[in-house]
Amino acid sequence: FDSKLRRIILNVLDRIEVNIRTCITYYGSLTYIKDPYWF
């Protein structure tokens, strides 16, 4: 059960991680559009 639970969680966390990274990159880069190294 625990092994299967871990795989389910990792699969969905991958989706969440990509989305959050994309949103932070997108809104940060548009906010500081003249500085691609804003981070």
All heavy atoms as atom14 arrays in JSON, in Angstrom:
{
  "sequence": "FDSKLRRIILNVLDRIEVNIRTCITYYGSLTYIKDPYWF",
  "atom14_mask": [
    [1, 1, 1, 1, 1, 1, 1, 1, 1, 1, 1, 0, 0, 0],
    [1, 1, 1, 1, 1, 1, 1, 1, 0, 0, 0, 0, 0, 0],
    [1, 1, 1, 1, 1, 1, 0, 0, 0, 0, 0, 0, 0, 0],
    [1, 1, 1, 1, 1, 1, 1, 1, 1, 0, 0, 0, 0, 0],
    [1, 1, 1, 1, 1, 1, 1, 1, 0, 0, 0, 0, 0, 0],
    [1, 1, 1, 1, 1, 1, 1, 1, 1, 1, 1, 0, 0, 0],
    [1, 1, 1, 1, 1, 1, 1, 1, 1, 1, 1, 0, 0, 0],
    [1, 1, 1, 1, 1, 1, 1, 1, 0, 0, 0, 0, 0, 0],
    [1, 1, 1, 1, 1, 1, 1, 1, 0, 0, 0, 0, 0, 0],
    [1, 1, 1, 1, 1, 1, 1, 1, 0, 0, 0, 0, 0, 0],
    [1, 1, 1, 1, 1, 1, 1, 1, 0, 0, 0, 0, 0, 0],
    [1, 1, 1, 1, 1, 1, 1, 0, 0, 0, 0, 0, 0, 0],
    [1, 1, 1, 1, 1, 1, 1, 1, 0, 0, 0, 0, 0, 0],
    [1, 1, 1, 1, 1, 1, 1, 1, 0, 0, 0, 0, 0, 0],
    [1, 1, 1, 1, 1, 1, 1, 1, 1, 1, 1, 0, 0, 0],
    [1, 1, 1, 1, 1, 1, 1, 1, 0, 0, 0, 0, 0, 0],
    [1, 1, 1, 1, 1, 1, 1, 1, 1, 0, 0, 0, 0, 0],
    [1, 1, 1, 1, 1, 1, 1, 0, 0, 0, 0, 0, 0, 0],
    [1, 1, 1, 1, 1, 1, 1, 1, 0, 0, 0, 0, 0, 0],
    [1, 1, 1, 1, 1, 1, 1, 1, 0, 0, 0, 0, 0, 0],
    [1, 1, 1, 1, 1, 1, 1, 1, 1, 1, 1, 0, 0, 0],
    [1, 1, 1, 1, 1, 1, 1, 0, 0, 0, 0, 0, 0, 0],
    [1, 1, 1, 1, 1, 1, 0, 0, 0, 0, 0, 0, 0, 0],
    [1, 1, 1, 1, 1, 1, 1, 1, 0, 0, 0, 0, 0, 0],
    [1, 1, 1, 1, 1, 1, 1, 0, 0, 0, 0, 0, 0, 0],
    [1, 1, 1, 1, 1, 1, 1, 1, 1, 1, 1, 1, 0, 0],
    [1, 1, 1, 1, 1, 1, 1, 1, 1, 1, 1, 1, 0, 0],
    [1, 1, 1, 1, 0, 0, 0, 0, 0, 0, 0, 0, 0, 0],
    [1, 1, 1, 1, 1, 1, 0, 0, 0, 0, 0, 0, 0, 0],
    [1, 1, 1, 1, 1, 1, 1, 1, 0, 0, 0, 0, 0, 0],
    [1, 1, 1, 1, 1, 1, 1, 0, 0, 0, 0, 0, 0, 0],
    [1, 1, 1, 1, 1, 1, 1, 1, 1, 1, 1, 1, 0, 0],
    [1, 1, 1, 1, 1, 1, 1, 1, 0, 0, 0, 0, 0, 0],
    [1, 1, 1, 1, 1, 1, 1, 1, 1, 0, 0, 0, 0, 0],
    [1, 1, 1, 1, 1, 1, 1, 1, 0, 0, 0, 0, 0, 0],
    [1, 1, 1, 1, 1, 1, 1, 0, 0, 0, 0, 0, 0, 0],
    [1, 1, 1, 1, 1, 1, 1, 1, 1, 1, 1, 1, 0, 0],
    [1, 1, 1, 1, 1, 1, 1, 1, 1, 1, 1, 1, 1, 1],
    [1, 1, 1, 1, 1, 1, 1, 1, 1, 1, 1, 0, 0, 0]
  ],
  "atom14_positions": [
    [[0.84, -1.2, 0.0], [0.0, 0.0, 0.0], [0.87, 1.25, 0.0], [0.64, 2.18, -0.77], [-0.91, 0.0, 1.23], [-1.65, 1.3, 1.45], [-2.88, 1.51, 0.86], [-1.11, 2.31, 2.24], [-3.57, 2.71, 1.03], [-1.78, 3.51, 2.42], [-3.01, 3.71, 1.81], [0.0, 0.0, 0.0], [0.0, 0.0, 0.0], [0.0, 0.0, 0.0]],
    [[1.88, 1.28, 0.87], [2.73, 2.45, 1.0], [3.53, 2.7, -0.27], [3.7, 3.85, -0.69], [3.67, 2.26, 2.19], [4.25, 3.57, 2.69], [3.45, 4.47, 3.03], [5.48, 3.7, 2.75], [0.0, 0.0, 0.0], [0.0, 0.0, 0.0], [0.0, 0.0, 0.0], [0.0, 0.0, 0.0], [0.0, 0.0, 0.0], [0.0, 0.0, 0.0]],
    [[4.0, 1.65, -0.9], [4.76, 1.79, -2.16], [3.89, 2.38, -3.25], [4.32, 3.27, -4.0], [5.3, 0.42, -2.61], [6.22, -0.08, -1.68], [0.0, 0.0, 0.0], [0.0, 0.0, 0.0], [0.0, 0.0, 0.0], [0.0, 0.0, 0.0], [0.0, 0.0, 0.0], [0.0, 0.0, 0.0], [0.0, 0.0, 0.0], [0.0, 0.0, 0.0]],
    [[2.65, 1.89, -3.35], [1.73, 2.41, -4.37], [1.32, 3.84, -4.06], [1.21, 4.68, -4.96], [0.51, 1.5, -4.46], [0.82, 0.13, -5.02], [-0.38, -0.81, -4.92], [-0.02, -2.2, -5.41], [-1.15, -3.15, -5.23], [0.0, 0.0, 0.0], [0.0, 0.0, 0.0], [0.0, 0.0, 0.0], [0.0, 0.0, 0.0], [0.0, 0.0, 0.0]],
    [[1.11, 4.14, -2.78], [0.77, 5.5, -2.37], [1.89, 6.46, -2.75], [1.65, 7.56, -3.27], [0.52, 5.55, -0.87], [0.24, 6.93, -0.25], [-1.04, 7.52, -0.83], [0.16, 6.82, 1.28], [0.0, 0.0, 0.0], [0.0, 0.0, 0.0], [0.0, 0.0, 0.0], [0.0, 0.0, 0.0], [0.0, 0.0, 0.0], [0.0, 0.0, 0.0]],
    [[3.12, 6.05, -2.52], [4.28, 6.88, -2.83], [4.34, 7.19, -4.33], [4.61, 8.32, -4.73], [5.56, 6.17, -2.38], [6.8, 7.05, -2.4], [8.03, 6.27, -1.99], [7.88, 5.68, -0.67], [7.82, 4.37, -0.43], [7.92, 3.5, -1.44], [7.7, 3.92, 0.79], [0.0, 0.0, 0.0], [0.0, 0.0, 0.0], [0.0, 0.0, 0.0]],
    [[4.08, 6.19, -5.16], [4.12, 6.39, -6.61], [3.0, 7.33, -7.07], [3.21, 8.18, -7.95], [4.03, 5.04, -7.34], [5.29, 4.2, -7.21], [5.3, 3.05, -8.18], [4.32, 2.03, -7.84], [4.54, 1.0, -7.04], [5.72, 0.87, -6.44], [3.61, 0.1, -6.81], [0.0, 0.0, 0.0], [0.0, 0.0, 0.0], [0.0, 0.0, 0.0]],
    [[1.82, 7.17, -6.49], [0.7, 8.06, -6.83], [1.05, 9.5, -6.49], [0.83, 10.43, -7.28], [-0.58, 7.62, -6.09], [-1.11, 6.31, -6.66], [-1.65, 8.71, -6.17], [-2.24, 5.7, -5.86], [0.0, 0.0, 0.0], [0.0, 0.0, 0.0], [0.0, 0.0, 0.0], [0.0, 0.0, 0.0], [0.0, 0.0, 0.0], [0.0, 0.0, 0.0]],
    [[1.6, 9.7, -5.29], [1.94, 11.05, -4.84], [3.03, 11.67, -5.71], [2.93, 12.83, -6.12], [2.37, 11.04, -3.36], [1.17, 10.68, -2.47], [2.96, 12.39, -2.94], [1.54, 10.44, -1.02], [0.0, 0.0, 0.0], [0.0, 0.0, 0.0], [0.0, 0.0, 0.0], [0.0, 0.0, 0.0], [0.0, 0.0, 0.0], [0.0, 0.0, 0.0]],
    [[4.08, 10.91, -6.0], [5.17, 11.44, -6.82], [4.67, 11.84, -8.2], [5.09, 12.87, -8.76], [6.29, 10.41, -6.94], [7.24, 10.31, -5.76], [8.18, 9.12, -5.92], [8.04, 11.6, -5.57], [0.0, 0.0, 0.0], [0.0, 0.0, 0.0], [0.0, 0.0, 0.0], [0.0, 0.0, 0.0], [0.0, 0.0, 0.0], [0.0, 0.0, 0.0]],
    [[3.77, 11.06, -8.76], [3.24, 11.37, -10.08], [2.49, 12.7, -10.08], [2.7, 13.55, -10.97], [2.3, 10.25, -10.52], [1.77, 10.48, -11.93], [2.52, 10.72, -12.86], [0.45, 10.43, -12.07], [0.0, 0.0, 0.0], [0.0, 0.0, 0.0], [0.0, 0.0, 0.0], [0.0, 0.0, 0.0], [0.0, 0.0, 0.0], [0.0, 0.0, 0.0]],
    [[1.65, 12.92, -9.07], [0.87, 14.16, -9.04], [1.73, 15.35, -8.61], [1.52, 16.47, -9.06], [-0.37, 13.98, -8.13], [-0.01, 14.01, -6.66], [-1.41, 15.06, -8.42], [0.0, 0.0, 0.0], [0.0, 0.0, 0.0], [0.0, 0.0, 0.0], [0.0, 0.0, 0.0], [0.0, 0.0, 0.0], [0.0, 0.0, 0.0], [0.0, 0.0, 0.0]],
    [[2.72, 15.12, -7.74], [3.61, 16.2, -7.34], [4.44, 16.7, -8.52], [4.78, 17.88, -8.59], [4.52, 15.76, -6.2], [3.89, 15.69, -4.82], [4.91, 15.21, -3.79], [3.31, 17.03, -4.39], [0.0, 0.0, 0.0], [0.0, 0.0, 0.0], [0.0, 0.0, 0.0], [0.0, 0.0, 0.0], [0.0, 0.0, 0.0], [0.0, 0.0, 0.0]],
    [[4.76, 15.8, -9.44], [5.48, 16.23, -10.64], [4.65, 17.22, -11.43], [5.16, 18.25, -11.9], [5.81, 14.99, -11.49], [6.58, 15.37, -12.75], [7.73, 15.81, -12.63], [6.03, 15.21, -13.86], [0.0, 0.0, 0.0], [0.0, 0.0, 0.0], [0.0, 0.0, 0.0], [0.0, 0.0, 0.0], [0.0, 0.0, 0.0], [0.0, 0.0, 0.0]],
    [[3.35, 16.95, -11.55], [2.44, 17.86, -12.26], [2.37, 19.21, -11.55], [2.42, 20.28, -12.18], [1.05, 17.23, -12.35], [-0.04, 18.12, -12.96], [0.17, 18.29, -14.46], [-0.83, 19.14, -15.06], [-2.03, 18.75, -15.49], [-2.39, 17.48, -15.36], [-2.85, 19.6, -16.05], [0.0, 0.0, 0.0], [0.0, 0.0, 0.0], [0.0, 0.0, 0.0]],
    [[2.26, 19.17, -10.22], [2.17, 20.4, -9.44], [3.46, 21.2, -9.53], [3.45, 22.43, -9.71], [1.83, 20.08, -7.97], [0.4, 19.54, -7.87], [2.0, 21.32, -7.08], [0.03, 19.01, -6.49], [0.0, 0.0, 0.0], [0.0, 0.0, 0.0], [0.0, 0.0, 0.0], [0.0, 0.0, 0.0], [0.0, 0.0, 0.0], [0.0, 0.0, 0.0]],
    [[4.58, 20.52, -9.4], [5.88, 21.19, -9.43], [6.11, 21.92, -10.74], [6.55, 23.08, -10.76], [7.0, 20.17, -9.2], [8.4, 20.75, -9.24], [9.48, 19.72, -8.99], [9.15, 18.6, -8.53], [10.65, 20.02, -9.28], [0.0, 0.0, 0.0], [0.0, 0.0, 0.0], [0.0, 0.0, 0.0], [0.0, 0.0, 0.0], [0.0, 0.0, 0.0]],
    [[5.8, 21.27, -11.85], [5.98, 21.89, -13.17], [5.1, 23.13, -13.29], [5.54, 24.18, -13.78], [5.67, 20.89, -14.3], [5.58, 21.59, -15.65], [6.73, 19.79, -14.35], [0.0, 0.0, 0.0], [0.0, 0.0, 0.0], [0.0, 0.0, 0.0], [0.0, 0.0, 0.0], [0.0, 0.0, 0.0], [0.0, 0.0, 0.0], [0.0, 0.0, 0.0]],
    [[3.86, 23.02, -12.83], [2.94, 24.15, -12.94], [3.4, 25.34, -12.11], [3.39, 26.48, -12.59], [1.54, 23.71, -12.5], [0.52, 24.81, -12.63], [0.33, 25.59, -11.69], [-0.13, 24.9, -13.77], [0.0, 0.0, 0.0], [0.0, 0.0, 0.0], [0.0, 0.0, 0.0], [0.0, 0.0, 0.0], [0.0, 0.0, 0.0], [0.0, 0.0, 0.0]],
    [[3.8, 25.09, -10.87], [4.23, 26.19, -9.99], [5.5, 26.83, -10.54], [5.62, 28.07, -10.58], [4.43, 25.68, -8.55], [3.07, 25.32, -7.93], [5.15, 26.73, -7.7], [3.16, 24.68, -6.57], [0.0, 0.0, 0.0], [0.0, 0.0, 0.0], [0.0, 0.0, 0.0], [0.0, 0.0, 0.0], [0.0, 0.0, 0.0], [0.0, 0.0, 0.0]],
    [[6.44, 26.02, -10.98], [7.67, 26.57, -11.55], [7.36, 27.43, -12.77], [7.92, 28.52, -12.95], [8.62, 25.44, -11.95], [9.96, 25.95, -12.47], [10.75, 24.88, -13.16], [11.1, 23.79, -12.27], [10.71, 22.52, -12.42], [9.92, 22.2, -13.44], [11.08, 21.61, -11.57], [0.0, 0.0, 0.0], [0.0, 0.0, 0.0], [0.0, 0.0, 0.0]],
    [[6.47, 26.95, -13.62], [6.1, 27.69, -14.83], [5.47, 29.03, -14.48], [5.81, 30.06, -15.08], [5.13, 26.86, -15.68], [5.77, 25.65, -16.1], [4.68, 27.63, -16.92], [0.0, 0.0, 0.0], [0.0, 0.0, 0.0], [0.0, 0.0, 0.0], [0.0, 0.0, 0.0], [0.0, 0.0, 0.0], [0.0, 0.0, 0.0], [0.0, 0.0, 0.0]],
    [[4.55, 29.03, -13.5], [3.87, 30.28, -13.14], [4.83, 31.3, -12.53], [4.76, 32.49, -12.85], [2.73, 29.97, -12.17], [1.31, 29.17, -12.96], [0.0, 0.0, 0.0], [0.0, 0.0, 0.0], [0.0, 0.0, 0.0], [0.0, 0.0, 0.0], [0.0, 0.0, 0.0], [0.0, 0.0, 0.0], [0.0, 0.0, 0.0], [0.0, 0.0, 0.0]],
    [[5.73, 30.83, -11.67], [6.68, 31.75, -11.07], [7.62, 32.31, -12.14], [7.92, 33.52, -12.16], [7.48, 31.06, -9.94], [6.54, 30.73, -8.78], [8.63, 31.95, -9.47], [7.2, 29.95, -7.66], [0.0, 0.0, 0.0], [0.0, 0.0, 0.0], [0.0, 0.0, 0.0], [0.0, 0.0, 0.0], [0.0, 0.0, 0.0], [0.0, 0.0, 0.0]],
    [[8.08, 31.46, -13.04], [8.94, 31.91, -14.13], [8.22, 32.92, -15.02], [8.76, 33.98, -15.36], [9.4, 30.72, -14.99], [10.05, 29.75, -14.18], [10.35, 31.18, -16.09], [0.0, 0.0, 0.0], [0.0, 0.0, 0.0], [0.0, 0.0, 0.0], [0.0, 0.0, 0.0], [0.0, 0.0, 0.0], [0.0, 0.0, 0.0], [0.0, 0.0, 0.0]],
    [[6.99, 32.61, -15.38], [6.21, 33.45, -16.29], [5.94, 34.83, -15.68], [6.27, 35.86, -16.29], [4.9, 32.75, -16.62], [3.98, 33.57, -17.52], [4.22, 33.68, -18.88], [2.86, 34.2, -16.98], [3.37, 34.41, -19.7], [2.01, 34.95, -17.8], [2.27, 35.05, -19.15], [1.43, 35.79, -19.95], [0.0, 0.0, 0.0], [0.0, 0.0, 0.0]],
    [[5.36, 34.86, -14.49], [4.99, 36.14, -13.89], [6.21, 36.94, -13.43], [6.23, 38.17, -13.51], [4.0, 35.94, -12.75], [2.63, 35.57, -13.26], [2.18, 34.26, -13.23], [1.8, 36.53, -13.83], [0.93, 33.9, -13.72], [0.55, 36.19, -14.34], [0.12, 34.88, -14.28], [-1.11, 34.54, -14.79], [0.0, 0.0, 0.0], [0.0, 0.0, 0.0]],
    [[7.24, 36.24, -12.96], [8.47, 36.94, -12.59], [9.14, 37.56, -13.8], [9.57, 38.72, -13.77], [0.0, 0.0, 0.0], [0.0, 0.0, 0.0], [0.0, 0.0, 0.0], [0.0, 0.0, 0.0], [0.0, 0.0, 0.0], [0.0, 0.0, 0.0], [0.0, 0.0, 0.0], [0.0, 0.0, 0.0], [0.0, 0.0, 0.0], [0.0, 0.0, 0.0]],
    [[9.21, 36.81, -14.89], [9.9, 37.29, -16.09], [9.13, 38.41, -16.77], [9.74, 39.31, -17.38], [10.12, 36.12, -17.06], [10.98, 35.15, -16.48], [0.0, 0.0, 0.0], [0.0, 0.0, 0.0], [0.0, 0.0, 0.0], [0.0, 0.0, 0.0], [0.0, 0.0, 0.0], [0.0, 0.0, 0.0], [0.0, 0.0, 0.0], [0.0, 0.0, 0.0]],
    [[7.8, 38.39, -16.69], [7.02, 39.49, -17.26], [7.1, 40.74, -16.38], [7.13, 41.87, -16.89], [5.55, 39.08, -17.42], [5.23, 38.17, -18.61], [3.73, 37.95, -18.69], [5.75, 38.73, -19.93], [0.0, 0.0, 0.0], [0.0, 0.0, 0.0], [0.0, 0.0, 0.0], [0.0, 0.0, 0.0], [0.0, 0.0, 0.0], [0.0, 0.0, 0.0]],
    [[7.15, 40.54, -15.07], [7.27, 41.68, -14.15], [8.6, 42.4, -14.36], [8.67, 43.64, -14.35], [7.15, 41.21, -12.69], [5.86, 40.61, -12.5], [7.3, 42.38, -11.73], [0.0, 0.0, 0.0], [0.0, 0.0, 0.0], [0.0, 0.0, 0.0], [0.0, 0.0, 0.0], [0.0, 0.0, 0.0], [0.0, 0.0, 0.0], [0.0, 0.0, 0.0]],
    [[9.66, 41.63, -14.55], [11.0, 42.2, -14.75], [11.44, 41.92, -16.19], [12.5, 41.36, -16.43], [11.97, 41.58, -13.75], [11.46, 41.62, -12.33], [11.26, 40.43, -11.61], [11.17, 42.83, -11.7], [10.79, 40.46, -10.3], [10.69, 42.86, -10.39], [10.5, 41.67, -9.71], [10.02, 41.7, -8.42], [0.0, 0.0, 0.0], [0.0, 0.0, 0.0]],
    [[10.62, 42.34, -17.13], [10.8, 41.95, -18.52], [12.12, 42.43, -19.12], [12.65, 41.83, -20.05], [9.6, 42.46, -19.36], [9.54, 41.71, -20.69], [9.65, 43.98, -19.53], [8.21, 41.87, -21.42], [0.0, 0.0, 0.0], [0.0, 0.0, 0.0], [0.0, 0.0, 0.0], [0.0, 0.0, 0.0], [0.0, 0.0, 0.0], [0.0, 0.0, 0.0]],
    [[12.7, 43.48, -18.56], [13.98, 43.99, -19.07], [15.19, 43.29, -18.45], [16.32, 43.58, -18.84], [14.07, 45.49, -18.84], [13.05, 46.3, -19.64], [13.23, 47.8, -19.42], [12.25, 48.6, -20.26], [12.4, 50.07, -20.05], [0.0, 0.0, 0.0], [0.0, 0.0, 0.0], [0.0, 0.0, 0.0], [0.0, 0.0, 0.0], [0.0, 0.0, 0.0]],
    [[14.94, 42.4, -17.49], [16.04, 41.72, -16.82], [15.79, 40.21, -16.78], [15.11, 39.7, -15.9], [16.21, 42.25, -15.39], [17.42, 41.64, -14.69], [18.11, 40.81, -15.3], [17.65, 41.99, -13.52], [0.0, 0.0, 0.0], [0.0, 0.0, 0.0], [0.0, 0.0, 0.0], [0.0, 0.0, 0.0], [0.0, 0.0, 0.0], [0.0, 0.0, 0.0]],
    [[16.34, 39.48, -17.75], [16.13, 38.03, -17.78], [16.84, 37.29, -16.64], [16.64, 36.1, -16.46], [16.7, 37.61, -19.14], [17.68, 38.68, -19.47], [17.14, 39.95, -18.89], [0.0, 0.0, 0.0], [0.0, 0.0, 0.0], [0.0, 0.0, 0.0], [0.0, 0.0, 0.0], [0.0, 0.0, 0.0], [0.0, 0.0, 0.0], [0.0, 0.0, 0.0]],
    [[17.64, 38.02, -15.87], [18.36, 37.41, -14.75], [17.84, 37.94, -13.42], [18.55, 38.03, -12.43], [19.86, 37.69, -14.88], [20.38, 37.46, -16.28], [20.67, 38.53, -17.12], [20.53, 36.17, -16.78], [21.11, 38.33, -18.43], [20.98, 35.96, -18.08], [21.26, 37.03, -18.9], [21.69, 36.81, -20.18], [0.0, 0.0, 0.0], [0.0, 0.0, 0.0]],
    [[16.56, 38.28, -13.39], [15.94, 38.89, -12.21], [16.08, 38.04, -10.95], [16.08, 38.56, -9.84], [14.47, 39.19, -12.49], [13.64, 37.99, -12.86], [13.38, 37.54, -14.12], [12.97, 37.09, -11.96], [12.59, 36.41, -14.09], [12.32, 36.12, -12.77], [12.86, 37.0, -10.58], [11.57, 35.07, -12.23], [12.12, 35.96, -10.03], [11.48, 35.02, -10.85]],
    [[16.21, 36.75, -11.12], [16.28, 35.83, -9.99], [17.57, 35.97, -9.19], [17.69, 35.41, -8.1], [16.1, 34.38, -10.46], [17.08, 33.97, -11.53], [18.29, 33.38, -11.21], [16.79, 34.19, -12.87], [19.2, 33.01, -12.19], [17.68, 33.83, -13.87], [18.89, 33.24, -13.53], [0.0, 0.0, 0.0], [0.0, 0.0, 0.0], [0.0, 0.0, 0.0]]
  ]
}
